[in-house]
Amino acid sequence: MRRLLIIGMLLLAVGCGTKDPLEPVKPPVILPLAEGNIWTYSYVTYDSLGFIARSVTLTREVTQKVAIGGETWSELTSIEEGSPPTVKYVVNRSDGLWQADSETGVPYFGIKYPGKVNDLYTGINALGVKGITVTIGGIGENVTTPAGEYPCYRYVWSFLFFGYLVEGTEYWAPDVGLMRMEATFTRTTDSKIYSNIVWQLTEKDLK
């Protein structure tokens, strides 16, 4: 009887510690979109001398799920300190993150994931500029912010904006989201740096 009891306990322990092999494994996504996910960023602008010209907090939250064209999208609400909230609609597809400006808006490509180093594509940057050429500059690069350290994809982009060359780098951690963004504004007339912007993830609450 004692031997049967021991065998039963061992079988129970093994069963509790074994994952169902038929349970599907969810592939990582570039932006986890569980309802209630929250990201908090520090958003700092530096002037040409390197002094802080502006510093605010930016919070993004997945507020609800919506059906768009038979597909489940997520409503992403952004609140920048001192500004009214803005809403975007986002979804992870097999080629990466897609966005739309409204529930009836035309979807546009956002961020390529997965991908390979030196992949080029037309997407959107963290500043909200659409239709720019983005390059995957690196994969698996560890980035540390107050929210933690994660291996990241490094995305690089540039565009012209009213006499300025804007060059940026974004670090995205799969299953976490945007970790850090750096952008430099350089005057095209004299090649002098006008300002720098740094976003950094300070807190996250992922479901």
N, C-alpha and C. Protein backbone atom coordinates (compact mmCIF):
# COMPACT_ATOMS: atom_id res chain seq x y z
N MET A 1 0.83 -1.20 0.00
CA MET A 1 0.00 0.00 0.00
C MET A 1 0.87 1.25 0.00
N ARG A 2 1.93 1.23 0.84
CA ARG A 2 2.83 2.39 0.92
C ARG A 2 3.50 2.64 -0.42
N ARG A 3 3.92 1.49 -1.10
CA ARG A 3 4.58 1.63 -2.40
C ARG A 3 3.64 2.24 -3.42
N LEU A 4 2.37 1.85 -3.41
CA LEU A 4 1.39 2.41 -4.35
C LEU A 4 1.17 3.89 -4.09
N LEU A 5 1.18 4.27 -2.81
CA LEU A 5 0.99 5.68 -2.47
C LEU A 5 2.14 6.52 -3.00
N ILE A 6 3.37 6.02 -2.84
CA ILE A 6 4.55 6.76 -3.31
C ILE A 6 4.51 6.90 -4.83
N ILE A 7 4.17 5.80 -5.53
CA ILE A 7 4.10 5.83 -6.99
C ILE A 7 3.05 6.84 -7.44
N GLY A 8 1.90 6.84 -6.73
CA GLY A 8 0.84 7.78 -7.10
C GLY A 8 1.28 9.22 -6.92
N MET A 9 2.01 9.51 -5.84
CA MET A 9 2.49 10.86 -5.60
C MET A 9 3.49 11.28 -6.66
N LEU A 10 4.37 10.35 -7.07
CA LEU A 10 5.35 10.67 -8.10
C LEU A 10 4.67 10.96 -9.43
N LEU A 11 3.67 10.15 -9.77
CA LEU A 11 2.95 10.39 -11.02
C LEU A 11 2.24 11.73 -11.00
N LEU A 12 1.68 12.10 -9.84
CA LEU A 12 1.00 13.38 -9.72
C LEU A 12 1.98 14.53 -9.89
N ALA A 13 3.16 14.41 -9.28
CA ALA A 13 4.17 15.46 -9.38
C ALA A 13 4.64 15.64 -10.80
N VAL A 14 4.88 14.51 -11.51
CA VAL A 14 5.32 14.57 -12.91
C VAL A 14 4.24 15.20 -13.77
N GLY A 15 2.98 14.79 -13.52
CA GLY A 15 1.88 15.32 -14.32
C GLY A 15 1.71 16.82 -14.14
N CYS A 16 1.89 17.30 -12.90
CA CYS A 16 1.71 18.73 -12.64
C CYS A 16 2.83 19.55 -13.26
N GLY A 17 4.01 18.95 -13.41
CA GLY A 17 5.15 19.70 -13.93
C GLY A 17 5.35 19.55 -15.42
N THR A 18 4.47 18.83 -16.08
CA THR A 18 4.62 18.59 -17.52
C THR A 18 3.61 19.41 -18.30
N LYS A 19 4.10 20.18 -19.29
CA LYS A 19 3.23 21.00 -20.10
C LYS A 19 2.57 20.15 -21.17
N ASP A 20 1.31 20.42 -21.42
CA ASP A 20 0.58 19.70 -22.45
C ASP A 20 1.27 19.90 -23.80
N PRO A 21 1.79 18.84 -24.43
CA PRO A 21 2.50 19.00 -25.70
C PRO A 21 1.60 19.49 -26.82
N LEU A 22 0.28 19.38 -26.64
CA LEU A 22 -0.64 19.83 -27.67
C LEU A 22 -1.01 21.31 -27.51
N GLU A 23 -0.60 21.92 -26.38
CA GLU A 23 -0.90 23.33 -26.18
C GLU A 23 -0.11 24.18 -27.17
N PRO A 24 -0.77 25.02 -27.94
CA PRO A 24 -0.07 25.81 -28.96
C PRO A 24 0.89 26.81 -28.33
N VAL A 25 2.05 26.98 -28.95
CA VAL A 25 3.04 27.95 -28.49
C VAL A 25 2.85 29.24 -29.30
N LYS A 26 2.55 30.32 -28.59
CA LYS A 26 2.31 31.59 -29.28
C LYS A 26 3.64 32.21 -29.70
N PRO A 27 3.77 32.55 -30.98
CA PRO A 27 5.01 33.19 -31.42
C PRO A 27 5.12 34.59 -30.84
N PRO A 28 6.32 35.08 -30.62
CA PRO A 28 6.47 36.44 -30.10
C PRO A 28 5.96 37.47 -31.10
N VAL A 29 5.53 38.60 -30.58
CA VAL A 29 5.08 39.71 -31.42
C VAL A 29 5.90 40.94 -31.03
N ILE A 30 5.93 41.92 -31.92
CA ILE A 30 6.76 43.10 -31.64
C ILE A 30 6.08 44.02 -30.63
N LEU A 31 4.74 43.94 -30.52
CA LEU A 31 4.03 44.75 -29.54
C LEU A 31 2.92 43.90 -28.91
N PRO A 32 3.05 43.51 -27.65
CA PRO A 32 2.01 42.69 -27.02
C PRO A 32 0.75 43.52 -26.80
N LEU A 33 -0.38 42.99 -27.21
CA LEU A 33 -1.60 43.80 -27.26
C LEU A 33 -2.72 43.26 -26.37
N ALA A 34 -2.37 42.69 -25.23
CA ALA A 34 -3.40 42.29 -24.27
C ALA A 34 -4.09 43.53 -23.74
N GLU A 35 -5.40 43.44 -23.59
CA GLU A 35 -6.15 44.59 -23.09
C GLU A 35 -5.67 44.96 -21.69
N GLY A 36 -5.38 46.23 -21.50
CA GLY A 36 -4.88 46.70 -20.20
C GLY A 36 -3.37 46.87 -20.15
N ASN A 37 -2.65 46.46 -21.19
CA ASN A 37 -1.20 46.69 -21.22
C ASN A 37 -0.91 48.19 -21.20
N ILE A 38 0.08 48.58 -20.39
CA ILE A 38 0.43 49.99 -20.24
C ILE A 38 1.95 50.16 -20.35
N TRP A 39 2.36 51.16 -21.11
CA TRP A 39 3.78 51.54 -21.23
C TRP A 39 3.91 53.01 -20.84
N THR A 40 4.91 53.33 -20.04
CA THR A 40 5.17 54.71 -19.65
C THR A 40 6.57 55.10 -20.08
N TYR A 41 6.68 56.24 -20.77
CA TYR A 41 7.95 56.71 -21.31
C TYR A 41 8.31 58.08 -20.77
N SER A 42 9.60 58.32 -20.61
CA SER A 42 10.07 59.69 -20.45
C SER A 42 10.38 60.20 -21.86
N TYR A 43 10.00 61.43 -22.14
CA TYR A 43 10.14 62.02 -23.47
C TYR A 43 10.88 63.35 -23.29
N VAL A 44 12.17 63.35 -23.63
CA VAL A 44 13.03 64.49 -23.35
C VAL A 44 13.56 65.08 -24.65
N THR A 45 13.47 66.40 -24.79
CA THR A 45 14.03 67.12 -25.92
C THR A 45 15.21 67.95 -25.44
N TYR A 46 16.35 67.82 -26.14
CA TYR A 46 17.56 68.57 -25.80
C TYR A 46 17.81 69.62 -26.88
N ASP A 47 18.30 70.79 -26.46
CA ASP A 47 18.60 71.83 -27.44
C ASP A 47 19.97 71.60 -28.06
N SER A 48 20.41 72.54 -28.90
CA SER A 48 21.67 72.36 -29.64
C SER A 48 22.90 72.30 -28.73
N LEU A 49 22.77 72.80 -27.50
CA LEU A 49 23.88 72.77 -26.55
C LEU A 49 23.82 71.57 -25.61
N GLY A 50 22.78 70.75 -25.77
CA GLY A 50 22.65 69.57 -24.93
C GLY A 50 21.87 69.77 -23.65
N PHE A 51 21.27 70.96 -23.49
CA PHE A 51 20.46 71.22 -22.30
C PHE A 51 19.02 70.75 -22.55
N ILE A 52 18.35 70.36 -21.48
CA ILE A 52 16.97 69.89 -21.60
C ILE A 52 16.06 71.08 -21.91
N ALA A 53 15.39 71.00 -23.04
CA ALA A 53 14.45 72.05 -23.44
C ALA A 53 13.02 71.69 -23.05
N ARG A 54 12.74 70.39 -22.98
CA ARG A 54 11.38 69.93 -22.65
C ARG A 54 11.46 68.51 -22.14
N SER A 55 10.70 68.22 -21.10
CA SER A 55 10.67 66.87 -20.54
C SER A 55 9.25 66.55 -20.09
N VAL A 56 8.65 65.53 -20.69
CA VAL A 56 7.28 65.15 -20.36
C VAL A 56 7.19 63.63 -20.21
N THR A 57 6.05 63.20 -19.72
CA THR A 57 5.77 61.76 -19.60
C THR A 57 4.74 61.38 -20.65
N LEU A 58 4.98 60.25 -21.30
CA LEU A 58 4.07 59.72 -22.31
C LEU A 58 3.60 58.33 -21.87
N THR A 59 2.29 58.14 -21.85
CA THR A 59 1.72 56.85 -21.45
C THR A 59 0.89 56.29 -22.58
N ARG A 60 1.06 55.00 -22.85
CA ARG A 60 0.26 54.31 -23.86
C ARG A 60 -0.42 53.11 -23.23
N GLU A 61 -1.69 52.91 -23.59
CA GLU A 61 -2.46 51.81 -23.01
C GLU A 61 -3.35 51.17 -24.06
N VAL A 62 -3.42 49.84 -24.02
CA VAL A 62 -4.37 49.11 -24.85
C VAL A 62 -5.71 49.18 -24.13
N THR A 63 -6.62 49.99 -24.65
CA THR A 63 -7.86 50.26 -23.92
C THR A 63 -9.00 49.30 -24.23
N GLN A 64 -9.04 48.76 -25.46
CA GLN A 64 -10.08 47.79 -25.78
C GLN A 64 -9.77 47.10 -27.10
N LYS A 65 -10.49 46.02 -27.35
CA LYS A 65 -10.40 45.30 -28.63
C LYS A 65 -11.57 45.73 -29.51
N VAL A 66 -11.31 45.84 -30.80
CA VAL A 66 -12.37 46.22 -31.74
C VAL A 66 -12.26 45.32 -32.98
N ALA A 67 -13.39 45.09 -33.62
CA ALA A 67 -13.43 44.30 -34.85
C ALA A 67 -13.39 45.25 -36.04
N ILE A 68 -12.38 45.06 -36.89
CA ILE A 68 -12.25 45.87 -38.10
C ILE A 68 -12.07 44.92 -39.28
N GLY A 69 -13.02 44.93 -40.19
CA GLY A 69 -12.91 44.08 -41.36
C GLY A 69 -12.79 42.60 -41.05
N GLY A 70 -13.47 42.14 -40.01
CA GLY A 70 -13.42 40.74 -39.63
C GLY A 70 -12.15 40.34 -38.89
N GLU A 71 -11.34 41.32 -38.50
CA GLU A 71 -10.08 41.07 -37.81
C GLU A 71 -10.10 41.80 -36.47
N THR A 72 -9.50 41.20 -35.44
CA THR A 72 -9.47 41.83 -34.13
C THR A 72 -8.29 42.78 -34.02
N TRP A 73 -8.59 44.05 -33.81
CA TRP A 73 -7.58 45.07 -33.64
C TRP A 73 -7.60 45.55 -32.19
N SER A 74 -6.60 46.33 -31.82
CA SER A 74 -6.51 46.88 -30.47
C SER A 74 -6.51 48.40 -30.53
N GLU A 75 -7.30 49.01 -29.66
CA GLU A 75 -7.31 50.46 -29.55
C GLU A 75 -6.16 50.87 -28.62
N LEU A 76 -5.24 51.68 -29.14
CA LEU A 76 -4.07 52.10 -28.39
C LEU A 76 -4.20 53.60 -28.11
N THR A 77 -4.38 53.95 -26.83
CA THR A 77 -4.55 55.35 -26.44
C THR A 77 -3.25 55.89 -25.87
N SER A 78 -2.81 57.03 -26.41
CA SER A 78 -1.58 57.68 -25.95
C SER A 78 -1.93 58.99 -25.26
N ILE A 79 -1.31 59.21 -24.11
CA ILE A 79 -1.51 60.45 -23.36
C ILE A 79 -0.14 61.06 -23.09
N GLU A 80 0.10 62.19 -23.74
CA GLU A 80 1.33 62.95 -23.49
C GLU A 80 1.01 64.06 -22.53
N GLU A 81 1.83 64.19 -21.50
CA GLU A 81 1.61 65.19 -20.47
C GLU A 81 1.38 66.58 -21.09
N GLY A 82 0.25 67.19 -20.74
CA GLY A 82 -0.06 68.52 -21.24
C GLY A 82 -0.77 68.54 -22.57
N SER A 83 -1.10 67.38 -23.14
CA SER A 83 -1.78 67.30 -24.43
C SER A 83 -2.99 66.39 -24.33
N PRO A 84 -3.98 66.57 -25.22
CA PRO A 84 -5.15 65.68 -25.20
C PRO A 84 -4.78 64.28 -25.67
N PRO A 85 -5.53 63.25 -25.26
CA PRO A 85 -5.24 61.88 -25.69
C PRO A 85 -5.39 61.71 -27.19
N THR A 86 -4.61 60.78 -27.75
CA THR A 86 -4.76 60.39 -29.15
C THR A 86 -4.97 58.89 -29.21
N VAL A 87 -5.68 58.46 -30.25
CA VAL A 87 -6.02 57.04 -30.38
C VAL A 87 -5.57 56.51 -31.73
N LYS A 88 -4.93 55.34 -31.72
CA LYS A 88 -4.59 54.61 -32.93
C LYS A 88 -5.15 53.20 -32.79
N TYR A 89 -5.24 52.51 -33.92
CA TYR A 89 -5.68 51.12 -33.91
C TYR A 89 -4.54 50.28 -34.48
N VAL A 90 -4.19 49.22 -33.78
CA VAL A 90 -3.01 48.43 -34.15
C VAL A 90 -3.33 46.94 -34.13
N VAL A 91 -2.57 46.18 -34.92
CA VAL A 91 -2.72 44.73 -34.95
C VAL A 91 -1.40 44.11 -35.36
N ASN A 92 -1.07 42.98 -34.76
CA ASN A 92 0.10 42.21 -35.16
C ASN A 92 -0.30 41.22 -36.24
N ARG A 93 0.38 41.28 -37.39
CA ARG A 93 0.18 40.30 -38.45
C ARG A 93 1.47 39.52 -38.65
N SER A 94 1.47 38.60 -39.59
CA SER A 94 2.64 37.73 -39.77
C SER A 94 3.88 38.49 -40.21
N ASP A 95 3.70 39.69 -40.82
CA ASP A 95 4.86 40.46 -41.27
C ASP A 95 5.21 41.60 -40.33
N GLY A 96 4.44 41.80 -39.27
CA GLY A 96 4.76 42.85 -38.32
C GLY A 96 3.55 43.61 -37.85
N LEU A 97 3.78 44.81 -37.33
CA LEU A 97 2.72 45.63 -36.74
C LEU A 97 2.10 46.54 -37.79
N TRP A 98 0.77 46.52 -37.85
CA TRP A 98 0.01 47.40 -38.74
C TRP A 98 -0.76 48.39 -37.90
N GLN A 99 -1.06 49.56 -38.50
CA GLN A 99 -1.77 50.61 -37.79
C GLN A 99 -2.88 51.19 -38.65
N ALA A 100 -3.80 51.87 -37.99
CA ALA A 100 -4.85 52.63 -38.68
C ALA A 100 -5.18 53.83 -37.81
N ASP A 101 -5.53 54.94 -38.44
CA ASP A 101 -5.82 56.15 -37.69
C ASP A 101 -7.23 56.17 -37.10
N SER A 102 -8.10 55.31 -37.62
CA SER A 102 -9.46 55.21 -37.11
C SER A 102 -9.99 53.81 -37.43
N GLU A 103 -11.14 53.50 -36.90
CA GLU A 103 -11.73 52.18 -37.15
C GLU A 103 -12.11 52.00 -38.61
N THR A 104 -12.30 53.09 -39.31
CA THR A 104 -12.66 53.01 -40.73
C THR A 104 -11.51 53.43 -41.63
N GLY A 105 -10.35 53.75 -41.04
CA GLY A 105 -9.21 54.21 -41.83
C GLY A 105 -8.52 53.08 -42.57
N VAL A 106 -7.77 53.45 -43.59
CA VAL A 106 -7.01 52.46 -44.37
C VAL A 106 -5.78 52.03 -43.56
N PRO A 107 -5.57 50.73 -43.32
CA PRO A 107 -4.40 50.28 -42.56
C PRO A 107 -3.10 50.58 -43.31
N TYR A 108 -2.07 50.87 -42.57
CA TYR A 108 -0.75 51.09 -43.15
C TYR A 108 0.29 50.33 -42.33
N PHE A 109 1.37 49.97 -43.02
CA PHE A 109 2.40 49.15 -42.39
C PHE A 109 3.19 49.98 -41.38
N GLY A 110 3.46 49.36 -40.23
CA GLY A 110 4.19 50.06 -39.19
C GLY A 110 5.61 49.59 -39.00
N ILE A 111 5.76 48.37 -38.43
CA ILE A 111 7.07 47.87 -38.05
C ILE A 111 7.23 46.43 -38.52
N LYS A 112 8.30 46.17 -39.25
CA LYS A 112 8.56 44.82 -39.75
C LYS A 112 9.07 43.92 -38.63
N TYR A 113 8.39 42.79 -38.46
CA TYR A 113 8.81 41.77 -37.50
C TYR A 113 8.12 40.44 -37.82
N PRO A 114 8.87 39.35 -37.89
CA PRO A 114 10.33 39.28 -37.78
C PRO A 114 11.01 39.80 -39.05
N GLY A 115 12.33 39.85 -39.00
CA GLY A 115 13.08 40.32 -40.16
C GLY A 115 14.55 39.97 -40.03
N LYS A 116 15.34 40.43 -40.99
CA LYS A 116 16.77 40.17 -41.01
C LYS A 116 17.53 41.48 -41.04
N VAL A 117 18.76 41.45 -40.57
CA VAL A 117 19.60 42.65 -40.62
C VAL A 117 19.75 43.11 -42.06
N ASN A 118 19.63 44.42 -42.25
CA ASN A 118 19.71 45.10 -43.55
C ASN A 118 18.41 45.03 -44.34
N ASP A 119 17.36 44.43 -43.79
CA ASP A 119 16.06 44.50 -44.46
C ASP A 119 15.62 45.95 -44.56
N LEU A 120 15.12 46.35 -45.73
CA LEU A 120 14.55 47.68 -45.92
C LEU A 120 13.07 47.56 -46.18
N TYR A 121 12.29 48.49 -45.65
CA TYR A 121 10.86 48.47 -45.89
C TYR A 121 10.31 49.88 -45.71
N THR A 122 9.10 50.10 -46.15
CA THR A 122 8.42 51.38 -45.97
C THR A 122 7.45 51.26 -44.81
N GLY A 123 7.65 52.06 -43.77
CA GLY A 123 6.81 51.94 -42.59
C GLY A 123 6.60 53.28 -41.91
N ILE A 124 6.44 53.23 -40.59
CA ILE A 124 6.19 54.42 -39.78
C ILE A 124 7.16 54.42 -38.61
N ASN A 125 7.53 55.62 -38.14
CA ASN A 125 8.43 55.67 -36.99
C ASN A 125 7.68 56.05 -35.73
N ALA A 126 8.40 56.09 -34.60
CA ALA A 126 7.76 56.37 -33.32
C ALA A 126 7.23 57.80 -33.24
N LEU A 127 7.73 58.69 -34.11
CA LEU A 127 7.23 60.06 -34.14
C LEU A 127 5.92 60.18 -34.91
N GLY A 128 5.50 59.07 -35.56
CA GLY A 128 4.24 59.07 -36.30
C GLY A 128 4.37 59.46 -37.75
N VAL A 129 5.61 59.53 -38.26
CA VAL A 129 5.82 59.88 -39.67
C VAL A 129 5.67 58.62 -40.52
N LYS A 130 4.73 58.65 -41.46
CA LYS A 130 4.41 57.48 -42.28
C LYS A 130 5.21 57.49 -43.58
N GLY A 131 5.27 56.31 -44.19
CA GLY A 131 5.81 56.17 -45.53
C GLY A 131 7.29 56.45 -45.65
N ILE A 132 8.06 56.25 -44.59
CA ILE A 132 9.49 56.47 -44.67
C ILE A 132 10.22 55.13 -44.81
N THR A 133 11.43 55.18 -45.32
CA THR A 133 12.23 53.97 -45.47
C THR A 133 12.93 53.63 -44.16
N VAL A 134 12.72 52.42 -43.71
CA VAL A 134 13.29 51.96 -42.45
C VAL A 134 14.22 50.78 -42.73
N THR A 135 15.34 50.72 -42.03
CA THR A 135 16.28 49.61 -42.16
C THR A 135 16.40 48.89 -40.82
N ILE A 136 16.39 47.57 -40.86
CA ILE A 136 16.69 46.81 -39.64
C ILE A 136 18.22 46.80 -39.50
N GLY A 137 18.72 47.55 -38.51
CA GLY A 137 20.16 47.71 -38.35
C GLY A 137 20.80 46.66 -37.46
N GLY A 138 20.01 45.99 -36.65
CA GLY A 138 20.56 44.97 -35.75
C GLY A 138 19.46 44.16 -35.11
N ILE A 139 19.83 42.97 -34.65
CA ILE A 139 18.89 42.06 -34.00
C ILE A 139 19.57 41.47 -32.76
N GLY A 140 18.84 41.39 -31.66
CA GLY A 140 19.39 40.79 -30.45
C GLY A 140 20.34 41.71 -29.70
N GLU A 141 20.21 43.02 -29.90
CA GLU A 141 21.06 43.99 -29.20
C GLU A 141 20.44 44.31 -27.84
N ASN A 142 21.17 44.06 -26.78
CA ASN A 142 20.64 44.30 -25.43
C ASN A 142 20.54 45.80 -25.15
N VAL A 143 19.36 46.19 -24.69
CA VAL A 143 19.10 47.59 -24.35
C VAL A 143 18.56 47.64 -22.93
N THR A 144 19.12 48.56 -22.13
CA THR A 144 18.70 48.71 -20.74
C THR A 144 18.03 50.06 -20.53
N THR A 145 16.85 50.05 -19.93
CA THR A 145 16.15 51.27 -19.53
C THR A 145 15.68 51.04 -18.09
N PRO A 146 15.07 52.04 -17.45
CA PRO A 146 14.54 51.80 -16.10
C PRO A 146 13.52 50.67 -16.03
N ALA A 147 12.95 50.28 -17.18
CA ALA A 147 11.95 49.21 -17.20
C ALA A 147 12.59 47.82 -17.34
N GLY A 148 13.92 47.75 -17.49
CA GLY A 148 14.58 46.46 -17.60
C GLY A 148 15.53 46.38 -18.77
N GLU A 149 16.14 45.21 -18.93
CA GLU A 149 17.07 44.95 -20.03
C GLU A 149 16.51 43.84 -20.92
N TYR A 150 16.48 44.09 -22.23
CA TYR A 150 15.92 43.13 -23.17
C TYR A 150 16.71 43.14 -24.48
N PRO A 151 16.79 41.97 -25.16
CA PRO A 151 17.37 41.95 -26.50
C PRO A 151 16.40 42.59 -27.49
N CYS A 152 16.92 43.45 -28.33
CA CYS A 152 16.06 44.27 -29.17
C CYS A 152 16.41 44.19 -30.66
N TYR A 153 15.41 44.49 -31.47
CA TYR A 153 15.61 44.84 -32.87
C TYR A 153 15.97 46.32 -32.91
N ARG A 154 16.94 46.67 -33.74
CA ARG A 154 17.30 48.09 -33.92
C ARG A 154 16.84 48.54 -35.31
N TYR A 155 15.96 49.52 -35.33
CA TYR A 155 15.42 50.07 -36.57
C TYR A 155 16.00 51.47 -36.80
N VAL A 156 16.44 51.74 -38.02
CA VAL A 156 17.09 53.01 -38.34
C VAL A 156 16.33 53.68 -39.48
N TRP A 157 16.13 55.00 -39.38
CA TRP A 157 15.39 55.72 -40.41
C TRP A 157 15.86 57.17 -40.48
N SER A 158 15.49 57.85 -41.56
CA SER A 158 15.77 59.28 -41.70
C SER A 158 14.77 59.87 -42.69
N PHE A 159 14.53 61.18 -42.56
CA PHE A 159 13.64 61.88 -43.49
C PHE A 159 13.93 63.38 -43.41
N LEU A 160 13.52 64.12 -44.43
CA LEU A 160 13.67 65.57 -44.45
C LEU A 160 12.40 66.22 -43.95
N PHE A 161 12.56 67.27 -43.13
CA PHE A 161 11.40 67.93 -42.54
C PHE A 161 11.67 69.44 -42.46
N PHE A 162 11.12 70.19 -43.42
CA PHE A 162 11.20 71.65 -43.44
C PHE A 162 12.61 72.17 -43.15
N GLY A 163 13.56 71.71 -43.94
CA GLY A 163 14.92 72.21 -43.79
C GLY A 163 15.77 71.48 -42.77
N TYR A 164 15.26 70.40 -42.25
CA TYR A 164 16.01 69.61 -41.27
C TYR A 164 16.11 68.16 -41.73
N LEU A 165 17.26 67.56 -41.49
CA LEU A 165 17.43 66.13 -41.68
C LEU A 165 17.19 65.47 -40.33
N VAL A 166 16.18 64.62 -40.26
CA VAL A 166 15.85 63.94 -39.01
C VAL A 166 16.30 62.49 -39.12
N GLU A 167 17.24 62.10 -38.24
CA GLU A 167 17.78 60.74 -38.25
C GLU A 167 17.45 60.07 -36.92
N GLY A 168 16.89 58.88 -36.99
CA GLY A 168 16.44 58.23 -35.77
C GLY A 168 16.80 56.77 -35.67
N THR A 169 16.83 56.30 -34.44
CA THR A 169 17.06 54.89 -34.13
C THR A 169 16.04 54.47 -33.08
N GLU A 170 15.40 53.34 -33.33
CA GLU A 170 14.44 52.79 -32.39
C GLU A 170 14.85 51.38 -31.98
N TYR A 171 14.65 51.07 -30.72
CA TYR A 171 14.95 49.73 -30.19
C TYR A 171 13.64 49.12 -29.69
N TRP A 172 13.27 48.01 -30.32
CA TRP A 172 12.04 47.32 -29.96
C TRP A 172 12.37 45.92 -29.45
N ALA A 173 11.82 45.56 -28.30
CA ALA A 173 11.99 44.23 -27.74
C ALA A 173 10.74 43.40 -28.02
N PRO A 174 10.88 42.26 -28.71
CA PRO A 174 9.71 41.40 -28.94
C PRO A 174 9.01 41.05 -27.64
N ASP A 175 7.69 41.07 -27.67
CA ASP A 175 6.84 40.78 -26.52
C ASP A 175 6.94 41.84 -25.42
N VAL A 176 7.60 42.95 -25.71
CA VAL A 176 7.67 44.07 -24.76
C VAL A 176 7.22 45.36 -25.43
N GLY A 177 7.80 45.66 -26.61
CA GLY A 177 7.45 46.87 -27.33
C GLY A 177 8.63 47.82 -27.45
N LEU A 178 8.34 49.08 -27.71
CA LEU A 178 9.38 50.09 -27.88
C LEU A 178 10.10 50.32 -26.56
N MET A 179 11.43 50.15 -26.59
CA MET A 179 12.25 50.37 -25.40
C MET A 179 12.87 51.76 -25.37
N ARG A 180 13.34 52.19 -26.55
CA ARG A 180 14.06 53.47 -26.61
C ARG A 180 14.01 54.01 -28.03
N MET A 181 13.92 55.33 -28.15
CA MET A 181 13.99 55.99 -29.45
C MET A 181 14.86 57.23 -29.31
N GLU A 182 15.77 57.40 -30.28
CA GLU A 182 16.64 58.58 -30.30
C GLU A 182 16.52 59.22 -31.67
N ALA A 183 16.37 60.53 -31.72
CA ALA A 183 16.26 61.24 -33.00
C ALA A 183 17.07 62.53 -32.93
N THR A 184 17.76 62.84 -34.03
CA THR A 184 18.57 64.05 -34.12
C THR A 184 18.06 64.91 -35.27
N PHE A 185 17.85 66.20 -35.01
CA PHE A 185 17.42 67.16 -36.02
C PHE A 185 18.64 68.00 -36.42
N THR A 186 19.05 67.90 -37.69
CA THR A 186 20.22 68.63 -38.19
C THR A 186 19.78 69.59 -39.29
N ARG A 187 20.17 70.87 -39.18
CA ARG A 187 19.83 71.84 -40.23
C ARG A 187 20.56 71.49 -41.51
N THR A 188 19.84 71.46 -42.60
CA THR A 188 20.47 71.12 -43.89
C THR A 188 21.31 72.27 -44.42
N THR A 189 21.04 73.50 -43.99
CA THR A 189 21.77 74.65 -44.52
C THR A 189 23.20 74.73 -44.03
N ASP A 190 23.43 74.32 -42.77
CA ASP A 190 24.80 74.41 -42.23
C ASP A 190 25.25 73.13 -41.52
N SER A 191 24.44 72.08 -41.58
CA SER A 191 24.78 70.77 -40.97
C SER A 191 24.99 70.86 -39.46
N LYS A 192 24.36 71.82 -38.81
CA LYS A 192 24.46 71.94 -37.37
C LYS A 192 23.27 71.27 -36.69
N ILE A 193 23.55 70.59 -35.59
CA ILE A 193 22.48 69.92 -34.85
C ILE A 193 21.60 70.97 -34.16
N TYR A 194 20.32 70.86 -34.40
CA TYR A 194 19.35 71.79 -33.81
C TYR A 194 18.81 71.25 -32.49
N SER A 195 18.47 69.95 -32.45
CA SER A 195 17.95 69.36 -31.23
C SER A 195 18.04 67.84 -31.29
N ASN A 196 17.86 67.23 -30.13
CA ASN A 196 17.81 65.77 -30.01
C ASN A 196 16.59 65.39 -29.18
N ILE A 197 16.02 64.25 -29.52
CA ILE A 197 14.88 63.72 -28.77
C ILE A 197 15.23 62.31 -28.28
N VAL A 198 14.88 62.02 -27.05
CA VAL A 198 15.09 60.67 -26.50
C VAL A 198 13.82 60.22 -25.79
N TRP A 199 13.29 59.08 -26.25
CA TRP A 199 12.21 58.40 -25.53
C TRP A 199 12.82 57.22 -24.81
N GLN A 200 12.36 56.96 -23.60
CA GLN A 200 12.88 55.83 -22.85
C GLN A 200 11.77 55.20 -22.03
N LEU A 201 11.66 53.88 -22.11
CA LEU A 201 10.63 53.17 -21.35
C LEU A 201 11.02 53.15 -19.88
N THR A 202 10.16 53.73 -19.04
CA THR A 202 10.47 53.79 -17.61
C THR A 202 9.68 52.78 -16.80
N GLU A 203 8.45 52.47 -17.25
CA GLU A 203 7.62 51.49 -16.55
C GLU A 203 6.77 50.76 -17.56
N LYS A 204 6.37 49.55 -17.20
CA LYS A 204 5.45 48.79 -18.03
C LYS A 204 4.59 47.90 -17.15
N ASP A 205 3.39 47.65 -17.59
CA ASP A 205 2.47 46.73 -16.91
C ASP A 205 1.83 45.88 -17.99
N LEU A 206 2.41 44.71 -18.25
CA LEU A 206 1.97 43.84 -19.33
C LEU A 206 1.24 42.64 -18.77
N LYS A 207 0.05 42.38 -19.29
CA LYS A 207 -0.80 41.30 -18.79
C LYS A 207 -0.34 39.94 -19.33
